[in-house]
Amino acid sequence: MQSSTNYDDGLIACQDTELVIRRYYFPFGLAKRVRYDRIRSVRRYALTELRGKYRVWGSGNFTQWFNLDFRRHRKSVGLVLDLGGPMQPVITPVDADRFLEALAAHGVRG
């Protein structure tokens, strides 16, 4: 059983000190690690055909970056992370509500 402060769906993990986004960097699929204090905000939106539902990996607009996820087309929620830079990671957790609860437990608010 996972504690309320941790979340791991195989691609996205809330660990004790950082968020880990697996299969992030192209072309090798290395993980991106983000300290919780670097996350300025999290914006939730509905994944649609025109808003990332079928994006497997990368960017279509050079402002948002999607990690490699072959199951994204089955998901309905995207989360944009504002880290203060020009490129914003977009993640699609399996359980967005539980993921957001885990972030909140680490002091990150939406």
PDB file of N, CA and C in Angstrom:
ATOM      1  N   MET A   1       0.847  -1.188   0.000  1.00  0.00           N
ATOM      2  CA  MET A   1       0.000   0.000   0.000  1.00  0.00           C
ATOM      3  C   MET A   1       0.886   1.243   0.000  1.00  0.00           C
ATOM      4  N   GLN A   2       0.604   2.169  -0.902  1.00  0.00           N
ATOM      5  CA  GLN A   2       1.374   3.395  -0.977  1.00  0.00           C
ATOM      6  C   GLN A   2       0.865   4.398   0.051  1.00  0.00           C
ATOM      7  N   SER A   3       1.793   5.191   0.579  1.00  0.00           N
ATOM      8  CA  SER A   3       1.372   6.248   1.488  1.00  0.00           C
ATOM      9  C   SER A   3       0.792   7.392   0.665  1.00  0.00           C
ATOM     10  N   SER A   4       0.112   8.319   1.339  1.00  0.00           N
ATOM     11  CA  SER A   4      -0.521   9.430   0.630  1.00  0.00           C
ATOM     12  C   SER A   4       0.504  10.395   0.044  1.00  0.00           C
ATOM     13  N   THR A   5       1.753  10.336   0.509  1.00  0.00           N
ATOM     14  CA  THR A   5       2.771  11.245  -0.008  1.00  0.00           C
ATOM     15  C   THR A   5       3.511  10.666  -1.201  1.00  0.00           C
ATOM     16  N   ASN A   6       3.267   9.403  -1.539  1.00  0.00           N
ATOM     17  CA  ASN A   6       3.959   8.787  -2.658  1.00  0.00           C
ATOM     18  C   ASN A   6       2.967   8.298  -3.698  1.00  0.00           C
ATOM     19  N   TYR A   7       3.423   8.323  -4.942  1.00  0.00           N
ATOM     20  CA  TYR A   7       2.611   7.881  -6.071  1.00  0.00           C
ATOM     21  C   TYR A   7       3.577   7.315  -7.096  1.00  0.00           C
ATOM     22  N   ASP A   8       3.221   6.205  -7.712  1.00  0.00           N
ATOM     23  CA  ASP A   8       4.056   5.636  -8.769  1.00  0.00           C
ATOM     24  C   ASP A   8       3.185   4.798  -9.689  1.00  0.00           C
ATOM     25  N   ASP A   9       3.072   5.233 -10.944  1.00  0.00           N
ATOM     26  CA  ASP A   9       2.285   4.460 -11.912  1.00  0.00           C
ATOM     27  C   ASP A   9       3.162   3.833 -12.994  1.00  0.00           C
ATOM     28  N   GLY A  10       4.464   3.831 -12.762  1.00  0.00           N
ATOM     29  CA  GLY A  10       5.392   3.263 -13.728  1.00  0.00           C
ATOM     30  C   GLY A  10       6.077   4.307 -14.588  1.00  0.00           C
ATOM     31  N   LEU A  11       5.383   5.394 -14.904  1.00  0.00           N
ATOM     32  CA  LEU A  11       5.977   6.476 -15.687  1.00  0.00           C
ATOM     33  C   LEU A  11       6.191   7.746 -14.872  1.00  0.00           C
ATOM     34  N   ILE A  12       5.359   7.946 -13.863  1.00  0.00           N
ATOM     35  CA  ILE A  12       5.428   9.144 -13.032  1.00  0.00           C
ATOM     36  C   ILE A  12       5.484   8.699 -11.579  1.00  0.00           C
ATOM     37  N   ALA A  13       6.418   9.281 -10.821  1.00  0.00           N
ATOM     38  CA  ALA A  13       6.551   8.886  -9.425  1.00  0.00           C
ATOM     39  C   ALA A  13       6.781  10.104  -8.541  1.00  0.00           C
ATOM     40  N   CYS A  14       6.005  10.199  -7.465  1.00  0.00           N
ATOM     41  CA  CYS A  14       6.256  11.169  -6.406  1.00  0.00           C
ATOM     42  C   CYS A  14       7.067  10.437  -5.349  1.00  0.00           C
ATOM     43  N   GLN A  15       8.315  10.815  -5.214  1.00  0.00           N
ATOM     44  CA  GLN A  15       9.176  10.204  -4.213  1.00  0.00           C
ATOM     45  C   GLN A  15       9.340  11.167  -3.053  1.00  0.00           C
ATOM     46  N   ASP A  16      10.154  10.813  -2.087  1.00  0.00           N
ATOM     47  CA  ASP A  16      10.274  11.627  -0.880  1.00  0.00           C
ATOM     48  C   ASP A  16      10.705  13.066  -1.159  1.00  0.00           C
ATOM     49  N   THR A  17      11.662  13.266  -2.067  1.00  0.00           N
ATOM     50  CA  THR A  17      12.211  14.605  -2.273  1.00  0.00           C
ATOM     51  C   THR A  17      11.989  15.175  -3.660  1.00  0.00           C
ATOM     52  N   GLU A  18      11.453  14.358  -4.583  1.00  0.00           N
ATOM     53  CA  GLU A  18      11.350  14.838  -5.954  1.00  0.00           C
ATOM     54  C   GLU A  18      10.287  14.091  -6.742  1.00  0.00           C
ATOM     55  N   LEU A  19       9.878  14.730  -7.831  1.00  0.00           N
ATOM     56  CA  LEU A  19       9.000  14.118  -8.819  1.00  0.00           C
ATOM     57  C   LEU A  19       9.891  13.519  -9.899  1.00  0.00           C
ATOM     58  N   VAL A  20       9.610  12.282 -10.285  1.00  0.00           N
ATOM     59  CA  VAL A  20      10.378  11.618 -11.339  1.00  0.00           C
ATOM     60  C   VAL A  20       9.444  11.364 -12.518  1.00  0.00           C
ATOM     61  N   ILE A  21       9.821  11.899 -13.678  1.00  0.00           N
ATOM     62  CA  ILE A  21       9.071  11.672 -14.916  1.00  0.00           C
ATOM     63  C   ILE A  21       9.930  10.753 -15.772  1.00  0.00           C
ATOM     64  N   ARG A  22       9.539   9.501 -15.843  1.00  0.00           N
ATOM     65  CA  ARG A  22      10.329   8.525 -16.595  1.00  0.00           C
ATOM     66  C   ARG A  22      10.084   8.668 -18.096  1.00  0.00           C
ATOM     67  N   ARG A  23      11.069   8.215 -18.882  1.00  0.00           N
ATOM     68  CA  ARG A  23      11.016   8.262 -20.355  1.00  0.00           C
ATOM     69  C   ARG A  23      10.778   9.683 -20.854  1.00  0.00           C
ATOM     70  N   TYR A  24      11.496  10.617 -20.304  1.00  0.00           N
ATOM     71  CA  TYR A  24      11.278  12.026 -20.642  1.00  0.00           C
ATOM     72  C   TYR A  24      12.162  12.492 -21.800  1.00  0.00           C
ATOM     73  N   TYR A  25      13.471  12.315 -21.652  1.00  0.00           N
ATOM     74  CA  TYR A  25      14.407  12.911 -22.603  1.00  0.00           C
ATOM     75  C   TYR A  25      14.557  12.079 -23.871  1.00  0.00           C
ATOM     76  N   PHE A  26      14.438  12.746 -25.022  1.00  0.00           N
ATOM     77  CA  PHE A  26      14.612  12.130 -26.330  1.00  0.00           C
ATOM     78  C   PHE A  26      16.091  12.184 -26.693  1.00  0.00           C
ATOM     79  N   PRO A  27      16.692  11.183 -27.289  1.00  0.00           N
ATOM     80  CA  PRO A  27      16.121   9.939 -27.789  1.00  0.00           C
ATOM     81  C   PRO A  27      16.320   8.748 -26.857  1.00  0.00           C
ATOM     82  N   PHE A  28      16.971   8.947 -25.709  1.00  0.00           N
ATOM     83  CA  PHE A  28      17.336   7.803 -24.870  1.00  0.00           C
ATOM     84  C   PHE A  28      16.301   7.443 -23.817  1.00  0.00           C
ATOM     85  N   GLY A  29      15.340   8.312 -23.584  1.00  0.00           N
ATOM     86  CA  GLY A  29      14.282   8.012 -22.629  1.00  0.00           C
ATOM     87  C   GLY A  29      14.694   8.115 -21.176  1.00  0.00           C
ATOM     88  N   LEU A  30      15.683   8.943 -20.888  1.00  0.00           N
ATOM     89  CA  LEU A  30      16.113   9.113 -19.503  1.00  0.00           C
ATOM     90  C   LEU A  30      15.057   9.884 -18.713  1.00  0.00           C
ATOM     91  N   ALA A  31      15.081   9.725 -17.408  1.00  0.00           N
ATOM     92  CA  ALA A  31      14.090  10.355 -16.535  1.00  0.00           C
ATOM     93  C   ALA A  31      14.438  11.815 -16.252  1.00  0.00           C
ATOM     94  N   LYS A  32      13.402  12.615 -16.077  1.00  0.00           N
ATOM     95  CA  LYS A  32      13.551  13.990 -15.592  1.00  0.00           C
ATOM     96  C   LYS A  32      13.205  13.972 -14.114  1.00  0.00           C
ATOM     97  N   ARG A  33      14.046  14.587 -13.306  1.00  0.00           N
ATOM     98  CA  ARG A  33      13.835  14.659 -11.863  1.00  0.00           C
ATOM     99  C   ARG A  33      13.623  16.121 -11.485  1.00  0.00           C
ATOM    100  N   VAL A  34      12.541  16.376 -10.763  1.00  0.00           N
ATOM    101  CA  VAL A  34      12.171  17.747 -10.416  1.00  0.00           C
ATOM    102  C   VAL A  34      11.940  17.831  -8.910  1.00  0.00           C
ATOM    103  N   ARG A  35      12.715  18.682  -8.241  1.00  0.00           N
ATOM    104  CA  ARG A  35      12.467  18.925  -6.815  1.00  0.00           C
ATOM    105  C   ARG A  35      11.113  19.611  -6.667  1.00  0.00           C
ATOM    106  N   TYR A  36      10.402  19.291  -5.615  1.00  0.00           N
ATOM    107  CA  TYR A  36       9.055  19.845  -5.427  1.00  0.00           C
ATOM    108  C   TYR A  36       9.056  21.366  -5.334  1.00  0.00           C
ATOM    109  N   ASP A  37      10.103  21.950  -4.767  1.00  0.00           N
ATOM    110  CA  ASP A  37      10.131  23.409  -4.631  1.00  0.00           C
ATOM    111  C   ASP A  37      10.337  24.128  -5.969  1.00  0.00           C
ATOM    112  N   ARG A  38      10.659  23.403  -7.032  1.00  0.00           N
ATOM    113  CA  ARG A  38      10.789  24.001  -8.366  1.00  0.00           C
ATOM    114  C   ARG A  38       9.456  24.090  -9.095  1.00  0.00           C
ATOM    115  N   ILE A  39       8.442  23.388  -8.618  1.00  0.00           N
ATOM    116  CA  ILE A  39       7.145  23.378  -9.298  1.00  0.00           C
ATOM    117  C   ILE A  39       6.349  24.601  -8.854  1.00  0.00           C
ATOM    118  N   ARG A  40       6.177  25.549  -9.760  1.00  0.00           N
ATOM    119  CA  ARG A  40       5.444  26.778  -9.439  1.00  0.00           C
ATOM    120  C   ARG A  40       3.941  26.540  -9.405  1.00  0.00           C
ATOM    121  N   SER A  41       3.452  25.766 -10.371  1.00  0.00           N
ATOM    122  CA  SER A  41       2.023  25.464 -10.424  1.00  0.00           C
ATOM    123  C   SER A  41       1.794  24.234 -11.294  1.00  0.00           C
ATOM    124  N   VAL A  42       0.594  23.683 -11.151  1.00  0.00           N
ATOM    125  CA  VAL A  42       0.157  22.544 -11.951  1.00  0.00           C
ATOM    126  C   VAL A  42      -1.212  22.903 -12.517  1.00  0.00           C
ATOM    127  N   ARG A  43      -1.337  22.822 -13.838  1.00  0.00           N
ATOM    128  CA  ARG A  43      -2.609  23.141 -14.494  1.00  0.00           C
ATOM    129  C   ARG A  43      -3.187  21.866 -15.095  1.00  0.00           C
ATOM    130  N   ARG A  44      -4.413  21.570 -14.731  1.00  0.00           N
ATOM    131  CA  ARG A  44      -5.109  20.374 -15.210  1.00  0.00           C
ATOM    132  C   ARG A  44      -5.945  20.744 -16.435  1.00  0.00           C
ATOM    133  N   TYR A  45      -5.955  19.873 -17.433  1.00  0.00           N
ATOM    134  CA  TYR A  45      -6.808  20.105 -18.596  1.00  0.00           C
ATOM    135  C   TYR A  45      -7.259  18.775 -19.184  1.00  0.00           C
ATOM    136  N   ALA A  46      -8.289  18.822 -19.995  1.00  0.00           N
ATOM    137  CA  ALA A  46      -8.821  17.617 -20.637  1.00  0.00           C
ATOM    138  C   ALA A  46      -7.994  17.295 -21.878  1.00  0.00           C
ATOM    139  N   LEU A  47      -7.495  16.072 -21.951  1.00  0.00           N
ATOM    140  CA  LEU A  47      -6.798  15.618 -23.157  1.00  0.00           C
ATOM    141  C   LEU A  47      -7.827  15.409 -24.260  1.00  0.00           C
ATOM    142  N   THR A  48      -7.558  15.961 -25.421  1.00  0.00           N
ATOM    143  CA  THR A  48      -8.428  15.764 -26.584  1.00  0.00           C
ATOM    144  C   THR A  48      -7.544  15.438 -27.783  1.00  0.00           C
ATOM    145  N   GLU A  49      -8.172  15.154 -28.894  1.00  0.00           N
ATOM    146  CA  GLU A  49      -7.428  14.843 -30.107  1.00  0.00           C
ATOM    147  C   GLU A  49      -6.497  15.988 -30.505  1.00  0.00           C
ATOM    148  N   LEU A  50      -6.915  17.216 -30.253  1.00  0.00           N
ATOM    149  CA  LEU A  50      -6.103  18.381 -30.604  1.00  0.00           C
ATOM    150  C   LEU A  50      -5.206  18.857 -29.468  1.00  0.00           C
ATOM    151  N   ARG A  51      -5.335  18.265 -28.299  1.00  0.00           N
ATOM    152  CA  ARG A  51      -4.571  18.721 -27.133  1.00  0.00           C
ATOM    153  C   ARG A  51      -3.792  17.588 -26.486  1.00  0.00           C
ATOM    154  N   GLY A  52      -3.095  16.796 -27.308  1.00  0.00           N
ATOM    155  CA  GLY A  52      -2.121  15.859 -26.779  1.00  0.00           C
ATOM    156  C   GLY A  52      -2.534  14.419 -26.598  1.00  0.00           C
ATOM    157  N   LYS A  53      -3.774  14.085 -26.828  1.00  0.00           N
ATOM    158  CA  LYS A  53      -4.234  12.717 -26.577  1.00  0.00           C
ATOM    159  C   LYS A  53      -3.445  11.688 -27.385  1.00  0.00           C
ATOM    160  N   TYR A  54      -3.057  12.037 -28.599  1.00  0.00           N
ATOM    161  CA  TYR A  54      -2.338  11.097 -29.459  1.00  0.00           C
ATOM    162  C   TYR A  54      -0.853  11.424 -29.598  1.00  0.00           C
ATOM    163  N   ARG A  55      -0.346  12.334 -28.782  1.00  0.00           N
ATOM    164  CA  ARG A  55       1.090  12.614 -28.798  1.00  0.00           C
ATOM    165  C   ARG A  55       1.789  11.529 -27.992  1.00  0.00           C
ATOM    166  N   VAL A  56       2.654  10.789 -28.641  1.00  0.00           N
ATOM    167  CA  VAL A  56       3.368   9.701 -27.972  1.00  0.00           C
ATOM    168  C   VAL A  56       4.551  10.248 -27.183  1.00  0.00           C
ATOM    169  N   TRP A  57       5.292  11.210 -27.772  1.00  0.00           N
ATOM    170  CA  TRP A  57       6.502  11.715 -27.129  1.00  0.00           C
ATOM    171  C   TRP A  57       6.883  13.028 -27.780  1.00  0.00           C
ATOM    172  N   GLY A  58       7.329  13.977 -27.015  1.00  0.00           N
ATOM    173  CA  GLY A  58       7.875  15.198 -27.577  1.00  0.00           C
ATOM    174  C   GLY A  58       6.939  16.384 -27.528  1.00  0.00           C
ATOM    175  N   SER A  59       7.113  17.289 -28.506  1.00  0.00           N
ATOM    176  CA  SER A  59       6.392  18.554 -28.503  1.00  0.00           C
ATOM    177  C   SER A  59       5.843  18.859 -29.885  1.00  0.00           C
ATOM    178  N   GLY A  60       4.698  19.489 -29.904  1.00  0.00           N
ATOM    179  CA  GLY A  60       4.136  19.970 -31.154  1.00  0.00           C
ATOM    180  C   GLY A  60       4.177  21.479 -31.243  1.00  0.00           C
ATOM    181  N   ASN A  61       4.489  22.148 -30.117  1.00  0.00           N
ATOM    182  CA  ASN A  61       4.460  23.610 -30.100  1.00  0.00           C
ATOM    183  C   ASN A  61       5.711  24.236 -29.482  1.00  0.00           C
ATOM    184  N   PHE A  62       6.674  23.431 -29.074  1.00  0.00           N
ATOM    185  CA  PHE A  62       7.944  23.879 -28.513  1.00  0.00           C
ATOM    186  C   PHE A  62       7.801  24.678 -27.221  1.00  0.00           C
ATOM    187  N   THR A  63       6.657  24.564 -26.556  1.00  0.00           N
ATOM    188  CA  THR A  63       6.498  25.144 -25.222  1.00  0.00           C
ATOM    189  C   THR A  63       6.114  24.079 -24.204  1.00  0.00           C
ATOM    190  N   GLN A  64       5.628  22.936 -24.692  1.00  0.00           N
ATOM    191  CA  GLN A  64       5.242  21.836 -23.805  1.00  0.00           C
ATOM    192  C   GLN A  64       5.891  20.553 -24.298  1.00  0.00           C
ATOM    193  N   TRP A  65       6.337  19.709 -23.352  1.00  0.00           N
ATOM    194  CA  TRP A  65       7.023  18.466 -23.693  1.00  0.00           C
ATOM    195  C   TRP A  65       6.338  17.295 -23.003  1.00  0.00           C
ATOM    196  N   PHE A  66       5.978  16.298 -23.785  1.00  0.00           N
ATOM    197  CA  PHE A  66       5.336  15.081 -23.287  1.00  0.00           C
ATOM    198  C   PHE A  66       6.370  13.970 -23.174  1.00  0.00           C
ATOM    199  N   ASN A  67       6.383  13.261 -22.042  1.00  0.00           N
ATOM    200  CA  ASN A  67       7.249  12.091 -21.920  1.00  0.00           C
ATOM    201  C   ASN A  67       6.686  10.955 -22.771  1.00  0.00           C
ATOM    202  N   LEU A  68       7.497   9.943 -23.027  1.00  0.00           N
ATOM    203  CA  LEU A  68       7.072   8.802 -23.836  1.00  0.00           C
ATOM    204  C   LEU A  68       6.002   8.008 -23.091  1.00  0.00           C
ATOM    205  N   ASP A  69       4.819   7.897 -23.685  1.00  0.00           N
ATOM    206  CA  ASP A  69       3.700   7.176 -23.063  1.00  0.00           C
ATOM    207  C   ASP A  69       2.833   6.582 -24.168  1.00  0.00           C
ATOM    208  N   PHE A  70       2.973   5.274 -24.364  1.00  0.00           N
ATOM    209  CA  PHE A  70       2.211   4.590 -25.412  1.00  0.00           C
ATOM    210  C   PHE A  70       0.740   4.420 -25.057  1.00  0.00           C
ATOM    211  N   ARG A  71       0.369   4.710 -23.817  1.00  0.00           N
ATOM    212  CA  ARG A  71      -1.025   4.552 -23.387  1.00  0.00           C
ATOM    213  C   ARG A  71      -1.749   5.882 -23.200  1.00  0.00           C
ATOM    214  N   ARG A  72      -1.128   6.967 -23.604  1.00  0.00           N
ATOM    215  CA  ARG A  72      -1.735   8.289 -23.411  1.00  0.00           C
ATOM    216  C   ARG A  72      -3.089   8.395 -24.107  1.00  0.00           C
ATOM    217  N   HIS A  73      -3.251   7.739 -25.233  1.00  0.00           N
ATOM    218  CA  HIS A  73      -4.513   7.835 -25.979  1.00  0.00           C
ATOM    219  C   HIS A  73      -5.697   7.268 -25.199  1.00  0.00           C
ATOM    220  N   ARG A  74      -5.429   6.505 -24.145  1.00  0.00           N
ATOM    221  CA  ARG A  74      -6.494   5.952 -23.300  1.00  0.00           C
ATOM    222  C   ARG A  74      -6.803   6.840 -22.093  1.00  0.00           C
ATOM    223  N   LYS A  75      -6.057   7.901 -21.919  1.00  0.00           N
ATOM    224  CA  LYS A  75      -6.197   8.764 -20.747  1.00  0.00           C
ATOM    225  C   LYS A  75      -7.010  10.004 -21.098  1.00  0.00           C
ATOM    226  N   SER A  76      -7.527  10.668 -20.070  1.00  0.00           N
ATOM    227  CA  SER A  76      -8.393  11.821 -20.314  1.00  0.00           C
ATOM    228  C   SER A  76      -7.907  13.111 -19.666  1.00  0.00           C
ATOM    229  N   VAL A  77      -6.876  13.035 -18.819  1.00  0.00           N
ATOM    230  CA  VAL A  77      -6.415  14.218 -18.085  1.00  0.00           C
ATOM    231  C   VAL A  77      -4.931  14.454 -18.345  1.00  0.00           C
ATOM    232  N   GLY A  78      -4.607  15.708 -18.666  1.00  0.00           N
ATOM    233  CA  GLY A  78      -3.218  16.130 -18.782  1.00  0.00           C
ATOM    234  C   GLY A  78      -2.910  17.144 -17.694  1.00  0.00           C
ATOM    235  N   LEU A  79      -1.669  17.152 -17.227  1.00  0.00           N
ATOM    236  CA  LEU A  79      -1.224  18.108 -16.217  1.00  0.00           C
ATOM    237  C   LEU A  79       0.012  18.831 -16.740  1.00  0.00           C
ATOM    238  N   VAL A  80      -0.059  20.152 -16.794  1.00  0.00           N
ATOM    239  CA  VAL A  80       1.057  20.973 -17.251  1.00  0.00           C
ATOM    240  C   VAL A  80       1.786  21.488 -16.020  1.00  0.00           C
ATOM    241  N   LEU A  81       3.092  21.246 -15.955  1.00  0.00           N
ATOM    242  CA  LEU A  81       3.905  21.690 -14.825  1.00  0.00           C
ATOM    243  C   LEU A  81       4.639  22.969 -15.202  1.00  0.00           C
ATOM    244  N   ASP A  82       4.429  24.027 -14.438  1.00  0.00           N
ATOM    245  CA  ASP A  82       5.162  25.273 -14.636  1.00  0.00           C
ATOM    246  C   ASP A  82       6.399  25.220 -13.755  1.00  0.00           C
ATOM    247  N   LEU A  83       7.565  25.115 -14.400  1.00  0.00           N
ATOM    248  CA  LEU A  83       8.835  25.075 -13.675  1.00  0.00           C
ATOM    249  C   LEU A  83       9.595  26.388 -13.816  1.00  0.00           C
ATOM    250  N   GLY A  84       8.963  27.377 -14.452  1.00  0.00           N
ATOM    251  CA  GLY A  84       9.591  28.681 -14.603  1.00  0.00           C
ATOM    252  C   GLY A  84      10.430  28.840 -15.854  1.00  0.00           C
ATOM    253  N   GLY A  85      10.544  27.807 -16.660  1.00  0.00           N
ATOM    254  CA  GLY A  85      11.341  27.879 -17.882  1.00  0.00           C
ATOM    255  C   GLY A  85      10.470  27.931 -19.119  1.00  0.00           C
ATOM    256  N   PRO A  86      11.106  27.972 -20.287  1.00  0.00           N
ATOM    257  CA  PRO A  86      10.347  28.068 -21.533  1.00  0.00           C
ATOM    258  C   PRO A  86       9.624  26.779 -21.923  1.00  0.00           C
ATOM    259  N   MET A  87      10.111  25.628 -21.463  1.00  0.00           N
ATOM    260  CA  MET A  87       9.491  24.344 -21.799  1.00  0.00           C
ATOM    261  C   MET A  87       8.786  23.795 -20.561  1.00  0.00           C
ATOM    262  N   GLN A  88       7.495  23.504 -20.706  1.00  0.00           N
ATOM    263  CA  GLN A  88       6.704  22.985 -19.595  1.00  0.00           C
ATOM    264  C   GLN A  88       6.437  21.496 -19.806  1.00  0.00           C
ATOM    265  N   PRO A  89       6.828  20.651 -18.848  1.00  0.00           N
ATOM    266  CA  PRO A  89       6.488  19.236 -18.963  1.00  0.00           C
ATOM    267  C   PRO A  89       4.979  19.031 -18.864  1.00  0.00           C
ATOM    268  N   VAL A  90       4.462  18.134 -19.684  1.00  0.00           N
ATOM    269  CA  VAL A  90       3.061  17.722 -19.611  1.00  0.00           C
ATOM    270  C   VAL A  90       3.058  16.246 -19.258  1.00  0.00           C
ATOM    271  N   ILE A  91       2.356  15.901 -18.190  1.00  0.00           N
ATOM    272  CA  ILE A  91       2.302  14.508 -17.761  1.00  0.00           C
ATOM    273  C   ILE A  91       0.857  14.029 -17.753  1.00  0.00           C
ATOM    274  N   THR A  92       0.698  12.734 -17.891  1.00  0.00           N
ATOM    275  CA  THR A  92      -0.636  12.132 -17.925  1.00  0.00           C
ATOM    276  C   THR A  92      -0.660  10.938 -16.972  1.00  0.00           C
ATOM    277  N   PRO A  93      -0.789  11.195 -15.681  1.00  0.00           N
ATOM    278  CA  PRO A  93      -0.802  10.095 -14.720  1.00  0.00           C
ATOM    279  C   PRO A  93      -2.013   9.189 -14.908  1.00  0.00           C
ATOM    280  N   VAL A  94      -1.855   7.946 -14.507  1.00  0.00           N
ATOM    281  CA  VAL A  94      -2.961   6.990 -14.580  1.00  0.00           C
ATOM    282  C   VAL A  94      -4.111   7.452 -13.694  1.00  0.00           C
ATOM    283  N   ASP A  95      -3.791   7.925 -12.491  1.00  0.00           N
ATOM    284  CA  ASP A  95      -4.793   8.411 -11.539  1.00  0.00           C
ATOM    285  C   ASP A  95      -4.443   9.857 -11.180  1.00  0.00           C
ATOM    286  N   ALA A  96      -4.966  10.804 -11.944  1.00  0.00           N
ATOM    287  CA  ALA A  96      -4.613  12.212 -11.769  1.00  0.00           C
ATOM    288  C   ALA A  96      -4.979  12.736 -10.386  1.00  0.00           C
ATOM    289  N   ASP A  97      -6.131  12.338  -9.853  1.00  0.00           N
ATOM    290  CA  ASP A  97      -6.543  12.829  -8.535  1.00  0.00           C
ATOM    291  C   ASP A  97      -5.582  12.361  -7.448  1.00  0.00           C
ATOM    292  N   ARG A  98      -5.208  11.092  -7.482  1.00  0.00           N
ATOM    293  CA  ARG A  98      -4.279  10.565  -6.475  1.00  0.00           C
ATOM    294  C   ARG A  98      -2.900  11.203  -6.628  1.00  0.00           C
ATOM    295  N   PHE A  99      -2.483  11.430  -7.874  1.00  0.00           N
ATOM    296  CA  PHE A  99      -1.208  12.098  -8.119  1.00  0.00           C
ATOM    297  C   PHE A  99      -1.216  13.512  -7.537  1.00  0.00           C
ATOM    298  N   LEU A 100      -2.294  14.266  -7.775  1.00  0.00           N
ATOM    299  CA  LEU A 100      -2.388  15.627  -7.246  1.00  0.00           C
ATOM    300  C   LEU A 100      -2.424  15.639  -5.721  1.00  0.00           C
ATOM    301  N   GLU A 101      -3.051  14.641  -5.109  1.00  0.00           N
ATOM    302  CA  GLU A 101      -3.030  14.518  -3.646  1.00  0.00           C
ATOM    303  C   GLU A 101      -1.607  14.301  -3.149  1.00  0.00           C
ATOM    304  N   ALA A 102      -0.852  13.465  -3.849  1.00  0.00           N
ATOM    305  CA  ALA A 102       0.539  13.217  -3.460  1.00  0.00           C
ATOM    306  C   ALA A 102       1.369  14.489  -3.599  1.00  0.00           C
ATOM    307  N   LEU A 103       1.163  15.244  -4.677  1.00  0.00           N
ATOM    308  CA  LEU A 103       1.876  16.518  -4.830  1.00  0.00           C
ATOM    309  C   LEU A 103       1.525  17.478  -3.700  1.00  0.00           C
ATOM    310  N   ALA A 104       0.239  17.577  -3.376  1.00  0.00           N
ATOM    311  CA  ALA A 104      -0.194  18.472  -2.298  1.00  0.00           C
ATOM    312  C   ALA A 104       0.443  18.077  -0.970  1.00  0.00           C
ATOM    313  N   ALA A 105       0.594  16.788  -0.738  1.00  0.00           N
ATOM    314  CA  ALA A 105       1.229  16.315   0.498  1.00  0.00           C
ATOM    315  C   ALA A 105       2.694  16.743   0.565  1.00  0.00           C
ATOM    316  N   HIS A 106       3.285  17.021  -0.589  1.00  0.00           N
ATOM    317  CA  HIS A 106       4.673  17.498  -0.642  1.00  0.00           C
ATOM    318  C   HIS A 106       4.738  19.021  -0.750  1.00  0.00           C
ATOM    319  N   GLY A 107       3.604  19.699  -0.569  1.00  0.00           N
ATOM    320  CA  GLY A 107       3.583  21.151  -0.552  1.00  0.00           C
ATOM    321  C   GLY A 107       3.346  21.818  -1.892  1.00  0.00           C
ATOM    322  N   VAL A 108       3.008  21.042  -2.925  1.00  0.00           N
ATOM    323  CA  VAL A 108       2.758  21.613  -4.253  1.00  0.00           C
ATOM    324  C   VAL A 108       1.261  21.808  -4.418  1.00  0.00           C
ATOM    325  N   ARG A 109       0.861  23.028  -4.731  1.00  0.00           N
ATOM    326  CA  ARG A 109      -0.550  23.340  -4.945  1.00  0.00           C
ATOM    327  C   ARG A 109      -0.787  23.616  -6.421  1.00  0.00           C
ATOM    328  N   GLY A 110      -2.007  23.397  -6.852  1.00  0.00           N
ATOM    329  CA  GLY A 110      -2.364  23.592  -8.263  1.00  0.00           C
ATOM    330  C   GLY A 110      -2.485  25.012  -8.675  1.00  0.00           C
TER     331      GLY A 110
END
